[in-house]
Amino acid sequence: MLTLGINASHDFSVCLWKDKKIKNFYHENRLRFEKYWDVSNNLEKNLLNFICLHKFKNLKIKNLIITTLPRQLFHETNKIINIIKNQINFEDIYFDYYEHHLYHALSGYFFSSFEEANCIVIDGCGSLDKNYHDFKEIESVYFVNKKIIFPLFKKYSNNVYINSLTNFFKKKEDHYDFLLKKNNFLFRINDVCEKEYCAEISLGSKFELMSEMLNFKLTEAGKLMGLAAYHDKDYENINNTFSQAAHKLQKDSLDYTISLIEKIKKLNDCKNFVLSGGYFLNCSNNFKLVKKFNDINFFVDSNPTDAGTAIGACVFYDNYK
């Protein structure tokens, strides 16, 4: 039985799944030789020609699993999904608007060798909250083993606030120090897991916005991380104010992640931790986490970007749904 998992947002990807294994995996960006290609940039044109989907047009798919981040209006997301459906020969479809971080977590867990693990997901933003559509998921923690997935903690940020702030920073590039402010919590909910709703920018968004402010592109957070290493001296052709800001963001985000791990350690005694989501492309801070917590077994998702969620969706559908 063939299952096809498709991540239909940025980092468009397709996973062909059979007998609890990945049979094929394709990342649209790599097939197009365009690193930051995004379907939403030219919706009508891009949707007519997915190179990934051409690989599977002659196969009969039992289960089509859609995972996407509905950053746009719901009707635009539905438009993407409908055009995908017309290009695939399938029997059943599954799509949940409100899961994104779950698939990140399961992608990392699948590639790890752990029987059980605490899976931390941190990125720019995830799915909308089911009850409060003005809020998007920005970080999540799950406990996962071979039989269950249990959410331990979820954090949501005000979507309206983030959008208005993004426009504000594009106009006033001298306000990058605002990104270094502490948390601003609005309210908490204890439901199945602990939930926090806030007006804070996610760690992923902080790196994206500050990258633009320090004259990099939105997608060039790696350069910002590299710049942080030059904070301690005056270097020719390097703006020391910028390097100090980059270093502070690196340090503050590391301190925050350390506090999150300490919090999780109090919730259960599992020593295995999986790290997924775009923030954990931060190799420098990942290495420092390993040095800090020598009693923890860390595994960083081999594909922590949204492309990996196509794999996580297949894992979820085949093992937990």
C-alpha atoms as a PDB file:
ATOM      1  CA  MET A   1       0.000   0.000   0.000  1.00  0.00           C
ATOM      2  CA  LEU A   2       1.431   3.361  -1.062  1.00  0.00           C
ATOM      3  CA  THR A   3       1.039   6.546   0.961  1.00  0.00           C
ATOM      4  CA  LEU A   4       2.058   9.949  -0.337  1.00  0.00           C
ATOM      5  CA  GLY A   5       2.880  12.741   2.097  1.00  0.00           C
ATOM      6  CA  ILE A   6       3.026  16.243   0.600  1.00  0.00           C
ATOM      7  CA  ASN A   7       4.202  19.427   2.268  1.00  0.00           C
ATOM      8  CA  ALA A   8       2.338  22.042   0.255  1.00  0.00           C
ATOM      9  CA  SER A   9       3.782  25.266   1.717  1.00  0.00           C
ATOM     10  CA  HIS A  10       7.314  26.617   1.375  1.00  0.00           C
ATOM     11  CA  ASP A  11       9.993  23.891   1.122  1.00  0.00           C
ATOM     12  CA  PHE A  12       7.512  21.960  -1.037  1.00  0.00           C
ATOM     13  CA  SER A  13       8.304  18.243  -0.750  1.00  0.00           C
ATOM     14  CA  VAL A  14       6.864  14.810  -1.417  1.00  0.00           C
ATOM     15  CA  CYS A  15       7.450  11.551   0.454  1.00  0.00           C
ATOM     16  CA  LEU A  16       6.429   8.180  -1.000  1.00  0.00           C
ATOM     17  CA  TRP A  17       5.883   5.803   1.918  1.00  0.00           C
ATOM     18  CA  LYS A  18       5.511   2.025   1.832  1.00  0.00           C
ATOM     19  CA  ASP A  19       5.689  -0.638   4.566  1.00  0.00           C
ATOM     20  CA  LYS A  20       6.688   1.925   7.217  1.00  0.00           C
ATOM     21  CA  LYS A  21       9.659   3.070   5.169  1.00  0.00           C
ATOM     22  CA  ILE A  22      10.535   5.972   2.882  1.00  0.00           C
ATOM     23  CA  LYS A  23      10.510   4.658  -0.667  1.00  0.00           C
ATOM     24  CA  ASN A  24      11.257   8.029  -2.313  1.00  0.00           C
ATOM     25  CA  PHE A  25      11.632  11.606  -1.163  1.00  0.00           C
ATOM     26  CA  TYR A  26      11.824  14.730  -3.322  1.00  0.00           C
ATOM     27  CA  HIS A  27      12.382  18.367  -2.379  1.00  0.00           C
ATOM     28  CA  GLU A  28      11.045  20.701  -5.054  1.00  0.00           C
ATOM     29  CA  ASN A  29      13.721  23.346  -4.427  1.00  0.00           C
ATOM     30  CA  ARG A  30      16.492  20.897  -5.291  1.00  0.00           C
ATOM     31  CA  LEU A  31      14.815  19.691  -8.463  1.00  0.00           C
ATOM     32  CA  ARG A  32      14.417  23.297  -9.610  1.00  0.00           C
ATOM     33  CA  PHE A  33      17.958  24.279  -8.525  1.00  0.00           C
ATOM     34  CA  GLU A  34      16.408  27.270  -6.776  1.00  0.00           C
ATOM     35  CA  LYS A  35      17.254  27.308  -3.081  1.00  0.00           C
ATOM     36  CA  TYR A  36      14.401  29.439  -1.766  1.00  0.00           C
ATOM     37  CA  TRP A  37      11.740  28.612  -4.335  1.00  0.00           C
ATOM     38  CA  ASP A  38       8.274  29.123  -2.835  1.00  0.00           C
ATOM     39  CA  VAL A  39       4.980  28.074  -4.379  1.00  0.00           C
ATOM     40  CA  SER A  40       3.237  31.144  -2.941  1.00  0.00           C
ATOM     41  CA  ASN A  41       5.460  33.552  -4.921  1.00  0.00           C
ATOM     42  CA  ASN A  42       3.594  32.822  -8.155  1.00  0.00           C
ATOM     43  CA  LEU A  43       0.660  30.671  -7.179  1.00  0.00           C
ATOM     44  CA  GLU A  44      -1.068  30.050 -10.496  1.00  0.00           C
ATOM     45  CA  LYS A  45       2.121  29.488 -12.500  1.00  0.00           C
ATOM     46  CA  ASN A  46       3.891  27.271  -9.975  1.00  0.00           C
ATOM     47  CA  LEU A  47       0.946  25.001  -9.297  1.00  0.00           C
ATOM     48  CA  LEU A  48       0.674  23.950 -12.926  1.00  0.00           C
ATOM     49  CA  ASN A  49       4.076  22.317 -12.914  1.00  0.00           C
ATOM     50  CA  PHE A  50       5.256  20.584  -9.733  1.00  0.00           C
ATOM     51  CA  ILE A  51       8.335  18.578 -10.698  1.00  0.00           C
ATOM     52  CA  CYS A  52       7.888  16.446  -7.557  1.00  0.00           C
ATOM     53  CA  LEU A  53       4.379  15.379  -8.504  1.00  0.00           C
ATOM     54  CA  HIS A  54       5.413  14.256 -11.976  1.00  0.00           C
ATOM     55  CA  LYS A  55       7.376  11.446 -10.303  1.00  0.00           C
ATOM     56  CA  PHE A  56       4.154   9.869  -9.029  1.00  0.00           C
ATOM     57  CA  LYS A  57       1.508  10.649 -11.656  1.00  0.00           C
ATOM     58  CA  ASN A  58       1.402   7.022 -12.907  1.00  0.00           C
ATOM     59  CA  LEU A  59       1.153   5.435  -9.460  1.00  0.00           C
ATOM     60  CA  LYS A  60      -2.054   4.555  -7.665  1.00  0.00           C
ATOM     61  CA  ILE A  61      -1.800   6.076  -4.198  1.00  0.00           C
ATOM     62  CA  LYS A  62      -3.911   4.635  -1.410  1.00  0.00           C
ATOM     63  CA  ASN A  63      -3.526   7.506   1.067  1.00  0.00           C
ATOM     64  CA  LEU A  64      -2.732  11.123   0.191  1.00  0.00           C
ATOM     65  CA  ILE A  65      -1.602  13.030   3.295  1.00  0.00           C
ATOM     66  CA  ILE A  66      -1.397  16.818   2.990  1.00  0.00           C
ATOM     67  CA  THR A  67       0.660  18.864   5.404  1.00  0.00           C
ATOM     68  CA  THR A  68       0.899  22.595   4.978  1.00  0.00           C
ATOM     69  CA  LEU A  69       1.344  25.762   6.945  1.00  0.00           C
ATOM     70  CA  PRO A  70      -1.736  27.917   6.207  1.00  0.00           C
ATOM     71  CA  ARG A  71       0.166  31.200   6.274  1.00  0.00           C
ATOM     72  CA  GLN A  72      -2.176  32.566   3.650  1.00  0.00           C
ATOM     73  CA  LEU A  73      -5.953  32.736   3.650  1.00  0.00           C
ATOM     74  CA  PHE A  74      -7.691  29.396   3.998  1.00  0.00           C
ATOM     75  CA  HIS A  75      -9.175  29.600   0.507  1.00  0.00           C
ATOM     76  CA  GLU A  76      -5.681  29.983  -0.974  1.00  0.00           C
ATOM     77  CA  THR A  77      -4.488  26.906   0.901  1.00  0.00           C
ATOM     78  CA  ASN A  78      -7.532  25.026  -0.391  1.00  0.00           C
ATOM     79  CA  LYS A  79      -6.696  26.155  -3.916  1.00  0.00           C
ATOM     80  CA  ILE A  80      -3.203  24.655  -3.598  1.00  0.00           C
ATOM     81  CA  ILE A  81      -4.606  21.382  -2.285  1.00  0.00           C
ATOM     82  CA  ASN A  82      -7.261  21.095  -5.005  1.00  0.00           C
ATOM     83  CA  ILE A  83      -4.705  21.532  -7.782  1.00  0.00           C
ATOM     84  CA  ILE A  84      -2.449  18.915  -6.155  1.00  0.00           C
ATOM     85  CA  LYS A  85      -5.388  16.495  -5.953  1.00  0.00           C
ATOM     86  CA  ASN A  86      -5.968  16.865  -9.683  1.00  0.00           C
ATOM     87  CA  GLN A  87      -2.403  15.725 -10.405  1.00  0.00           C
ATOM     88  CA  ILE A  88      -2.384  12.589  -8.221  1.00  0.00           C
ATOM     89  CA  ASN A  89      -4.241   9.295  -8.661  1.00  0.00           C
ATOM     90  CA  PHE A  90      -5.340   8.556  -5.093  1.00  0.00           C
ATOM     91  CA  GLU A  91      -8.136   6.906  -3.102  1.00  0.00           C
ATOM     92  CA  ASP A  92      -8.283   8.631   0.296  1.00  0.00           C
ATOM     93  CA  ILE A  93      -7.066  12.027   1.516  1.00  0.00           C
ATOM     94  CA  TYR A  94      -6.223  13.287   4.985  1.00  0.00           C
ATOM     95  CA  PHE A  95      -5.519  16.907   5.892  1.00  0.00           C
ATOM     96  CA  ASP A  96      -5.622  18.718   9.228  1.00  0.00           C
ATOM     97  CA  TYR A  97      -5.235  22.523   9.123  1.00  0.00           C
ATOM     98  CA  TYR A  98      -4.097  22.617  12.732  1.00  0.00           C
ATOM     99  CA  GLU A  99      -1.106  20.296  12.760  1.00  0.00           C
ATOM    100  CA  HIS A 100       2.344  21.285  11.603  1.00  0.00           C
ATOM    101  CA  HIS A 101       4.749  20.954  14.525  1.00  0.00           C
ATOM    102  CA  LEU A 102       3.518  17.410  15.131  1.00  0.00           C
ATOM    103  CA  TYR A 103       4.898  16.389  11.732  1.00  0.00           C
ATOM    104  CA  HIS A 104       8.209  18.121  12.465  1.00  0.00           C
ATOM    105  CA  ALA A 105       8.482  16.139  15.700  1.00  0.00           C
ATOM    106  CA  LEU A 106       7.688  12.795  14.055  1.00  0.00           C
ATOM    107  CA  SER A 107      10.118  13.379  11.206  1.00  0.00           C
ATOM    108  CA  GLY A 108      12.938  13.837  13.720  1.00  0.00           C
ATOM    109  CA  TYR A 109      11.787  10.917  15.843  1.00  0.00           C
ATOM    110  CA  PHE A 110      11.627   8.647  12.760  1.00  0.00           C
ATOM    111  CA  PHE A 111      15.280   9.290  11.906  1.00  0.00           C
ATOM    112  CA  SER A 112      16.504   8.923  15.477  1.00  0.00           C
ATOM    113  CA  SER A 113      17.236   5.521  17.006  1.00  0.00           C
ATOM    114  CA  PHE A 114      15.269   6.337  20.158  1.00  0.00           C
ATOM    115  CA  GLU A 115      12.507   4.108  21.497  1.00  0.00           C
ATOM    116  CA  GLU A 116      11.094   7.169  23.259  1.00  0.00           C
ATOM    117  CA  ALA A 117      11.980  10.853  23.172  1.00  0.00           C
ATOM    118  CA  ASN A 118      11.017  14.389  24.078  1.00  0.00           C
ATOM    119  CA  CYS A 119      10.661  16.184  20.738  1.00  0.00           C
ATOM    120  CA  ILE A 120      11.188  19.963  20.729  1.00  0.00           C
ATOM    121  CA  VAL A 121       9.988  21.947  17.711  1.00  0.00           C
ATOM    122  CA  ILE A 122      10.919  25.623  17.285  1.00  0.00           C
ATOM    123  CA  ASP A 123      10.529  27.573  14.051  1.00  0.00           C
ATOM    124  CA  GLY A 124       9.182  30.846  12.662  1.00  0.00           C
ATOM    125  CA  CYS A 125       5.575  29.832  13.146  1.00  0.00           C
ATOM    126  CA  GLY A 126       3.332  26.826  12.771  1.00  0.00           C
ATOM    127  CA  SER A 127      -0.364  26.222  12.369  1.00  0.00           C
ATOM    128  CA  LEU A 128      -3.152  28.471  13.557  1.00  0.00           C
ATOM    129  CA  ASP A 129      -4.666  27.629  16.914  1.00  0.00           C
ATOM    130  CA  LYS A 130      -8.016  25.839  16.635  1.00  0.00           C
ATOM    131  CA  ASN A 131      -9.773  28.127  19.101  1.00  0.00           C
ATOM    132  CA  TYR A 132      -7.909  31.411  18.593  1.00  0.00           C
ATOM    133  CA  HIS A 133      -7.197  32.076  14.920  1.00  0.00           C
ATOM    134  CA  ASP A 134      -5.232  35.204  15.747  1.00  0.00           C
ATOM    135  CA  PHE A 135      -2.509  32.994  17.223  1.00  0.00           C
ATOM    136  CA  LYS A 136       0.063  30.775  15.513  1.00  0.00           C
ATOM    137  CA  GLU A 137       2.038  27.951  17.089  1.00  0.00           C
ATOM    138  CA  ILE A 138       5.695  28.954  17.508  1.00  0.00           C
ATOM    139  CA  GLU A 139       7.087  26.124  19.615  1.00  0.00           C
ATOM    140  CA  SER A 140       5.944  22.727  20.811  1.00  0.00           C
ATOM    141  CA  VAL A 141       7.164  19.826  22.913  1.00  0.00           C
ATOM    142  CA  TYR A 142       5.907  16.264  22.479  1.00  0.00           C
ATOM    143  CA  PHE A 143       6.682  13.031  24.274  1.00  0.00           C
ATOM    144  CA  VAL A 144       6.791  10.271  21.648  1.00  0.00           C
ATOM    145  CA  ASN A 145       7.264   6.517  21.744  1.00  0.00           C
ATOM    146  CA  LYS A 146       6.314   3.687  19.389  1.00  0.00           C
ATOM    147  CA  LYS A 147       2.673   3.757  20.509  1.00  0.00           C
ATOM    148  CA  ILE A 148       1.729   7.272  21.609  1.00  0.00           C
ATOM    149  CA  ILE A 149       2.275  10.978  20.999  1.00  0.00           C
ATOM    150  CA  PHE A 150       1.605  13.206  23.970  1.00  0.00           C
ATOM    151  CA  PRO A 151       1.898  17.022  23.808  1.00  0.00           C
ATOM    152  CA  LEU A 152       3.679  18.446  26.851  1.00  0.00           C
ATOM    153  CA  PHE A 153       3.851  22.142  25.998  1.00  0.00           C
ATOM    154  CA  LYS A 154       2.720  24.500  23.234  1.00  0.00           C
ATOM    155  CA  LYS A 155       3.371  28.193  22.766  1.00  0.00           C
ATOM    156  CA  TYR A 156       1.388  30.505  20.477  1.00  0.00           C
ATOM    157  CA  SER A 157       2.135  34.035  19.304  1.00  0.00           C
ATOM    158  CA  ASN A 158      -0.358  36.661  18.183  1.00  0.00           C
ATOM    159  CA  ASN A 159      -0.503  36.490  14.390  1.00  0.00           C
ATOM    160  CA  VAL A 160      -1.835  40.040  13.925  1.00  0.00           C
ATOM    161  CA  TYR A 161       0.961  41.371  16.114  1.00  0.00           C
ATOM    162  CA  ILE A 162       3.659  39.539  14.141  1.00  0.00           C
ATOM    163  CA  ASN A 163       2.352  40.769  10.779  1.00  0.00           C
ATOM    164  CA  SER A 164       2.171  44.408  11.877  1.00  0.00           C
ATOM    165  CA  LEU A 165       5.592  44.172  13.509  1.00  0.00           C
ATOM    166  CA  THR A 166       7.142  42.790  10.324  1.00  0.00           C
ATOM    167  CA  ASN A 167       5.930  45.836   8.400  1.00  0.00           C
ATOM    168  CA  PHE A 168       7.158  48.119  11.174  1.00  0.00           C
ATOM    169  CA  PHE A 169      10.685  46.739  11.016  1.00  0.00           C
ATOM    170  CA  LYS A 170      10.839  46.991   7.247  1.00  0.00           C
ATOM    171  CA  LYS A 171      10.316  50.739   7.643  1.00  0.00           C
ATOM    172  CA  LYS A 172      12.535  51.305  10.686  1.00  0.00           C
ATOM    173  CA  GLU A 173      15.699  49.242  10.482  1.00  0.00           C
ATOM    174  CA  ASP A 174      17.228  50.839  13.593  1.00  0.00           C
ATOM    175  CA  HIS A 175      14.878  49.042  16.003  1.00  0.00           C
ATOM    176  CA  TYR A 176      16.591  45.630  16.041  1.00  0.00           C
ATOM    177  CA  ASP A 177      17.238  45.873  19.795  1.00  0.00           C
ATOM    178  CA  PHE A 178      13.476  45.453  20.283  1.00  0.00           C
ATOM    179  CA  LEU A 179      13.886  41.846  19.155  1.00  0.00           C
ATOM    180  CA  LEU A 180      15.990  41.121  22.245  1.00  0.00           C
ATOM    181  CA  LYS A 181      13.251  41.943  24.724  1.00  0.00           C
ATOM    182  CA  LYS A 182      11.974  39.327  27.141  1.00  0.00           C
ATOM    183  CA  ASN A 183       8.737  37.375  26.905  1.00  0.00           C
ATOM    184  CA  ASN A 184       5.412  39.211  26.993  1.00  0.00           C
ATOM    185  CA  PHE A 185       2.803  36.648  28.033  1.00  0.00           C
ATOM    186  CA  LEU A 186      -0.873  37.369  27.616  1.00  0.00           C
ATOM    187  CA  PHE A 187      -2.509  34.308  29.160  1.00  0.00           C
ATOM    188  CA  ARG A 188      -2.008  30.609  29.895  1.00  0.00           C
ATOM    189  CA  ILE A 189      -4.242  27.579  29.471  1.00  0.00           C
ATOM    190  CA  ASN A 190      -3.797  24.156  31.051  1.00  0.00           C
ATOM    191  CA  ASP A 191      -5.659  21.696  28.883  1.00  0.00           C
ATOM    192  CA  VAL A 192      -4.243  18.421  27.606  1.00  0.00           C
ATOM    193  CA  CYS A 193      -0.877  20.133  27.847  1.00  0.00           C
ATOM    194  CA  GLU A 194       0.345  23.474  29.130  1.00  0.00           C
ATOM    195  CA  LYS A 195      -0.336  26.244  26.600  1.00  0.00           C
ATOM    196  CA  GLU A 196       0.994  29.786  26.552  1.00  0.00           C
ATOM    197  CA  TYR A 197      -0.425  32.584  24.406  1.00  0.00           C
ATOM    198  CA  CYS A 198       1.773  35.637  24.016  1.00  0.00           C
ATOM    199  CA  ALA A 199       2.700  38.681  21.956  1.00  0.00           C
ATOM    200  CA  GLU A 200       6.285  37.516  21.647  1.00  0.00           C
ATOM    201  CA  ILE A 201       8.103  37.032  18.346  1.00  0.00           C
ATOM    202  CA  SER A 202       9.200  33.428  17.805  1.00  0.00           C
ATOM    203  CA  LEU A 203      12.908  32.597  17.825  1.00  0.00           C
ATOM    204  CA  GLY A 204      12.722  31.809  14.122  1.00  0.00           C
ATOM    205  CA  SER A 205      11.071  35.142  13.343  1.00  0.00           C
ATOM    206  CA  LYS A 206      13.608  37.016  15.447  1.00  0.00           C
ATOM    207  CA  PHE A 207      16.439  35.594  13.359  1.00  0.00           C
ATOM    208  CA  GLU A 208      14.593  36.342  10.105  1.00  0.00           C
ATOM    209  CA  LEU A 209      13.771  39.933  11.023  1.00  0.00           C
ATOM    210  CA  MET A 210      17.194  40.725  12.409  1.00  0.00           C
ATOM    211  CA  SER A 211      18.823  39.213   9.314  1.00  0.00           C
ATOM    212  CA  GLU A 212      16.998  41.801   7.220  1.00  0.00           C
ATOM    213  CA  MET A 213      17.881  44.601   9.612  1.00  0.00           C
ATOM    214  CA  LEU A 214      21.578  43.735   9.467  1.00  0.00           C
ATOM    215  CA  ASN A 215      21.500  43.935   5.664  1.00  0.00           C
ATOM    216  CA  PHE A 216      21.146  40.213   4.964  1.00  0.00           C
ATOM    217  CA  LYS A 217      18.190  38.569   3.286  1.00  0.00           C
ATOM    218  CA  LEU A 218      15.269  37.185   5.278  1.00  0.00           C
ATOM    219  CA  THR A 219      16.506  33.666   4.498  1.00  0.00           C
ATOM    220  CA  GLU A 220      20.127  34.294   5.514  1.00  0.00           C
ATOM    221  CA  ALA A 221      20.011  33.694   9.260  1.00  0.00           C
ATOM    222  CA  GLY A 222      23.134  31.549   8.874  1.00  0.00           C
ATOM    223  CA  LYS A 223      25.136  34.673   8.013  1.00  0.00           C
ATOM    224  CA  LEU A 224      23.775  36.385  11.108  1.00  0.00           C
ATOM    225  CA  MET A 225      24.947  33.436  13.227  1.00  0.00           C
ATOM    226  CA  GLY A 226      28.372  33.693  11.627  1.00  0.00           C
ATOM    227  CA  LEU A 227      28.506  37.431  12.291  1.00  0.00           C
ATOM    228  CA  ALA A 228      27.833  36.766  15.987  1.00  0.00           C
ATOM    229  CA  ALA A 229      31.287  35.197  16.328  1.00  0.00           C
ATOM    230  CA  TYR A 230      32.943  38.599  15.682  1.00  0.00           C
ATOM    231  CA  HIS A 231      31.369  40.462  18.602  1.00  0.00           C
ATOM    232  CA  ASP A 232      34.401  40.547  20.902  1.00  0.00           C
ATOM    233  CA  LYS A 233      36.740  42.755  18.833  1.00  0.00           C
ATOM    234  CA  ASP A 234      36.709  45.562  16.296  1.00  0.00           C
ATOM    235  CA  TYR A 235      37.265  44.071  12.873  1.00  0.00           C
ATOM    236  CA  GLU A 236      37.849  45.956   9.667  1.00  0.00           C
ATOM    237  CA  ASN A 237      34.777  45.989   7.399  1.00  0.00           C
ATOM    238  CA  ILE A 238      32.562  44.513  10.145  1.00  0.00           C
ATOM    239  CA  ASN A 239      29.999  46.716  11.854  1.00  0.00           C
ATOM    240  CA  ASN A 240      30.618  46.098  15.562  1.00  0.00           C
ATOM    241  CA  THR A 241      27.120  47.254  16.528  1.00  0.00           C
ATOM    242  CA  PHE A 242      25.662  44.657  14.177  1.00  0.00           C
ATOM    243  CA  SER A 243      27.938  41.874  15.439  1.00  0.00           C
ATOM    244  CA  GLN A 244      27.025  42.733  19.051  1.00  0.00           C
ATOM    245  CA  ALA A 245      23.319  42.541  18.208  1.00  0.00           C
ATOM    246  CA  ALA A 246      23.788  39.214  16.414  1.00  0.00           C
ATOM    247  CA  HIS A 247      25.752  37.806  19.345  1.00  0.00           C
ATOM    248  CA  LYS A 248      23.132  38.893  21.852  1.00  0.00           C
ATOM    249  CA  LEU A 249      20.389  37.233  19.843  1.00  0.00           C
ATOM    250  CA  GLN A 250      22.435  34.022  19.661  1.00  0.00           C
ATOM    251  CA  LYS A 251      23.076  34.103  23.406  1.00  0.00           C
ATOM    252  CA  ASP A 252      19.499  35.014  24.364  1.00  0.00           C
ATOM    253  CA  SER A 253      18.056  32.276  22.143  1.00  0.00           C
ATOM    254  CA  LEU A 254      20.499  29.757  23.623  1.00  0.00           C
ATOM    255  CA  ASP A 255      19.583  30.773  27.168  1.00  0.00           C
ATOM    256  CA  TYR A 256      15.907  30.447  26.315  1.00  0.00           C
ATOM    257  CA  THR A 257      16.365  26.983  24.790  1.00  0.00           C
ATOM    258  CA  ILE A 258      18.344  25.881  27.853  1.00  0.00           C
ATOM    259  CA  SER A 259      15.522  27.022  30.130  1.00  0.00           C
ATOM    260  CA  LEU A 260      13.005  25.135  27.969  1.00  0.00           C
ATOM    261  CA  ILE A 261      15.039  21.931  28.228  1.00  0.00           C
ATOM    262  CA  GLU A 262      15.339  22.373  32.002  1.00  0.00           C
ATOM    263  CA  LYS A 263      11.569  22.719  32.143  1.00  0.00           C
ATOM    264  CA  ILE A 264      11.038  19.523  30.141  1.00  0.00           C
ATOM    265  CA  LYS A 265      13.443  17.597  32.359  1.00  0.00           C
ATOM    266  CA  LYS A 266      11.131  18.325  35.282  1.00  0.00           C
ATOM    267  CA  LEU A 267       8.123  16.945  33.405  1.00  0.00           C
ATOM    268  CA  ASN A 268       9.560  13.468  32.809  1.00  0.00           C
ATOM    269  CA  ASP A 269      12.789  11.531  33.182  1.00  0.00           C
ATOM    270  CA  CYS A 270      13.303  10.690  29.505  1.00  0.00           C
ATOM    271  CA  LYS A 271      16.928  11.457  28.547  1.00  0.00           C
ATOM    272  CA  ASN A 272      16.409  11.395  24.786  1.00  0.00           C
ATOM    273  CA  PHE A 273      15.714  14.709  23.053  1.00  0.00           C
ATOM    274  CA  VAL A 274      14.869  15.256  19.386  1.00  0.00           C
ATOM    275  CA  LEU A 275      15.295  18.795  17.997  1.00  0.00           C
ATOM    276  CA  SER A 276      13.343  19.863  14.895  1.00  0.00           C
ATOM    277  CA  GLY A 277      12.068  22.986  13.171  1.00  0.00           C
ATOM    278  CA  GLY A 278      14.038  25.620  11.315  1.00  0.00           C
ATOM    279  CA  TYR A 279      15.562  27.138  14.456  1.00  0.00           C
ATOM    280  CA  PHE A 280      17.604  23.969  15.008  1.00  0.00           C
ATOM    281  CA  LEU A 281      19.585  24.610  11.855  1.00  0.00           C
ATOM    282  CA  ASN A 282      21.545  26.702  14.378  1.00  0.00           C
ATOM    283  CA  CYS A 283      24.584  24.394  14.557  1.00  0.00           C
ATOM    284  CA  SER A 284      26.549  26.690  16.877  1.00  0.00           C
ATOM    285  CA  ASN A 285      23.869  26.710  19.570  1.00  0.00           C
ATOM    286  CA  ASN A 286      23.121  23.009  19.044  1.00  0.00           C
ATOM    287  CA  PHE A 287      26.739  22.196  19.879  1.00  0.00           C
ATOM    288  CA  LYS A 288      26.537  24.314  23.022  1.00  0.00           C
ATOM    289  CA  LEU A 289      23.397  22.456  24.101  1.00  0.00           C
ATOM    290  CA  VAL A 290      25.249  19.140  23.783  1.00  0.00           C
ATOM    291  CA  LYS A 291      28.100  20.479  25.939  1.00  0.00           C
ATOM    292  CA  LYS A 292      25.702  21.947  28.500  1.00  0.00           C
ATOM    293  CA  PHE A 293      23.584  18.813  28.973  1.00  0.00           C
ATOM    294  CA  ASN A 294      26.008  15.898  29.058  1.00  0.00           C
ATOM    295  CA  ASP A 295      23.304  13.727  30.652  1.00  0.00           C
ATOM    296  CA  ILE A 296      21.001  14.063  27.600  1.00  0.00           C
ATOM    297  CA  ASN A 297      21.092  12.171  24.304  1.00  0.00           C
ATOM    298  CA  PHE A 298      20.404  14.698  21.546  1.00  0.00           C
ATOM    299  CA  PHE A 299      19.326  14.010  17.975  1.00  0.00           C
ATOM    300  CA  VAL A 300      18.872  16.877  15.506  1.00  0.00           C
ATOM    301  CA  ASP A 301      16.352  16.151  12.767  1.00  0.00           C
ATOM    302  CA  SER A 302      18.199  15.463   9.516  1.00  0.00           C
ATOM    303  CA  ASN A 303      15.594  17.577   7.699  1.00  0.00           C
ATOM    304  CA  PRO A 304      14.318  20.145  10.236  1.00  0.00           C
ATOM    305  CA  THR A 305      12.870  22.477   7.599  1.00  0.00           C
ATOM    306  CA  ASP A 306       9.242  22.265   6.494  1.00  0.00           C
ATOM    307  CA  ALA A 307      10.284  19.810   3.770  1.00  0.00           C
ATOM    308  CA  GLY A 308      10.659  17.191   6.500  1.00  0.00           C
ATOM    309  CA  THR A 309       6.997  17.464   7.482  1.00  0.00           C
ATOM    310  CA  ALA A 310       6.046  15.401   4.414  1.00  0.00           C
ATOM    311  CA  ILE A 311       7.910  12.522   6.072  1.00  0.00           C
ATOM    312  CA  GLY A 312       6.437  13.259   9.492  1.00  0.00           C
ATOM    313  CA  ALA A 313       2.917  13.210   8.040  1.00  0.00           C
ATOM    314  CA  CYS A 314       3.465   9.703   6.674  1.00  0.00           C
ATOM    315  CA  VAL A 315       4.851   8.542  10.020  1.00  0.00           C
ATOM    316  CA  PHE A 316       1.816   9.964  11.796  1.00  0.00           C
ATOM    317  CA  TYR A 317      -0.762   8.457   9.447  1.00  0.00           C
ATOM    318  CA  ASP A 318       0.850   5.019   9.357  1.00  0.00           C
ATOM    319  CA  ASN A 319       1.620   4.651  13.061  1.00  0.00           C
ATOM    320  CA  TYR A 320      -0.581   6.893  15.199  1.00  0.00           C
ATOM    321  CA  LYS A 321      -3.773   7.926  13.427  1.00  0.00           C
END
